[in-house]
Amino acid sequence: MAELNNGPVELGAEMDYAEHEKTYNMFLGLTKYCTLGCAAILVGMTAGLLGGAGFIGGTLAMIIVAAIGYYLLK
């Protein structure tokens, strides 16, 4: 059976807020740039496969979208 505690219960160590903020900012950056990469690949595939631009045109479209997105997300 569980014991009855009448005093305050320690639930864990103190939070390291600086490390938490650092990890959260790294997660947001990774999410941001992975989403940009997926969007650039989709635009390149759309231009190359459906738009009739071919492999070179699709690759160029992907690079242009990635460069513009990188500039805007900085």
Protein backbone atom coordinates (compact mmCIF):
# COMPACT_ATOMS: atom_id res chain seq x y z
CA MET A 1 0.00 0.00 0.00
CA ALA A 2 1.06 3.56 -0.59
CA GLU A 3 2.14 5.56 2.39
CA LEU A 4 0.31 8.73 3.31
CA ASN A 5 2.59 11.79 3.18
CA ASN A 6 1.38 14.89 4.95
CA GLY A 7 4.27 17.14 3.88
CA PRO A 8 5.36 18.49 0.50
CA VAL A 9 6.41 15.88 -1.99
CA GLU A 10 9.48 16.45 -4.15
CA LEU A 11 8.46 15.69 -7.75
CA GLY A 12 11.90 15.87 -9.29
CA ALA A 13 14.91 18.06 -9.77
CA GLU A 14 14.69 21.75 -10.48
CA MET A 15 14.15 22.68 -14.13
CA ASP A 16 17.16 23.86 -16.11
CA TYR A 17 15.33 26.56 -18.05
CA ALA A 18 18.34 27.65 -20.10
CA GLU A 19 18.84 24.11 -21.41
CA HIS A 20 15.10 23.77 -22.02
CA GLU A 21 15.04 26.96 -24.12
CA LYS A 22 18.11 25.83 -26.09
CA THR A 23 16.57 22.45 -26.88
CA TYR A 24 13.23 24.00 -27.83
CA ASN A 25 14.90 26.49 -30.18
CA MET A 26 16.87 23.67 -31.84
CA PHE A 27 13.63 21.72 -32.30
CA LEU A 28 11.90 24.73 -33.87
CA GLY A 29 14.82 25.29 -36.24
CA LEU A 30 14.86 21.65 -37.30
CA THR A 31 11.11 21.69 -37.87
CA LYS A 32 11.30 24.92 -39.86
CA TYR A 33 14.04 23.80 -42.22
CA CYS A 34 12.72 20.25 -42.67
CA THR A 35 9.34 21.72 -43.65
CA LEU A 36 11.10 24.02 -46.11
CA GLY A 37 12.96 21.05 -47.58
CA CYS A 38 9.75 19.07 -48.05
CA ALA A 39 8.01 22.03 -49.68
CA ALA A 40 10.96 22.63 -52.03
CA ILE A 41 11.02 18.96 -53.05
CA LEU A 42 7.27 18.99 -53.71
CA VAL A 43 7.52 22.15 -55.84
CA GLY A 44 10.41 20.64 -57.79
CA MET A 45 8.52 17.40 -58.36
CA THR A 46 5.41 19.27 -59.43
CA ALA A 47 7.33 21.43 -61.90
CA GLY A 48 9.32 18.50 -63.25
CA LEU A 49 6.67 15.83 -63.46
CA LEU A 50 3.42 17.70 -64.01
CA GLY A 51 4.56 21.06 -65.35
CA GLY A 52 6.60 19.70 -68.20
CA ALA A 53 9.83 21.35 -67.03
CA GLY A 54 11.72 18.08 -66.98
CA PHE A 55 14.50 17.09 -64.61
CA ILE A 56 16.58 20.25 -65.01
CA GLY A 57 13.59 22.58 -64.67
CA GLY A 58 12.30 20.74 -61.61
CA THR A 59 15.73 20.84 -59.99
CA LEU A 60 16.01 24.56 -60.72
CA ALA A 61 12.56 25.21 -59.27
CA MET A 62 13.49 23.25 -56.14
CA ILE A 63 16.74 25.19 -55.69
CA ILE A 64 15.01 28.55 -56.20
CA VAL A 65 12.25 27.74 -53.69
CA ALA A 66 14.79 26.46 -51.18
CA ALA A 67 16.97 29.58 -51.54
CA ILE A 68 14.04 31.99 -51.20
CA GLY A 69 12.65 30.04 -48.24
CA TYR A 70 16.02 29.94 -46.50
CA TYR A 71 16.38 33.70 -46.95
CA LEU A 72 12.89 34.36 -45.58
CA LEU A 73 13.26 31.99 -42.61
CA LYS A 74 16.57 33.42 -41.41
